[in-house]
Amino acid sequence: MHVKRTNNYGSLIIVYVTLIVTKNCNNTLCFLKDDSVLVCKEHRTAVVNLNTHLLQHHNVPTATQKQIIERFDYFATVSPAEIELPEEPAQPIDELTVVQDMSPYHR
């Protein structure tokens, strides 16, 4: 699904986001039980507030949001301040895909 947004400079941009429904939410969201963190695989980030994330970044309708939140609500997450950073060097997180840098400066 394409969504119109404005960037930090006020310019209109169009971005692609996955339409999340209850049947496919496990493809986009996952709970990392070892770290007690909910992660959005598409945005490759921890999700602090699932309701806000679904609304702002995936345009999920309210009724669907409630169903998805109920599905992930039983996971006990920790606040960002409680997350222990890994020792250096950090290991990749298996649930997240590696993004190859496509910029011409790194070829």
Foldseek 3Di string as FASTA:
>chain_A
DWDWDADPVRDIDIDDDDQDAPVCVCVQWDADQVQLFIAGQVVGDTDQDQLCCCCPPRVHDPVRSVVVCVVVVVRRHDHPVPGDDDDPPDDDDPSHDDDDDPDPVPD
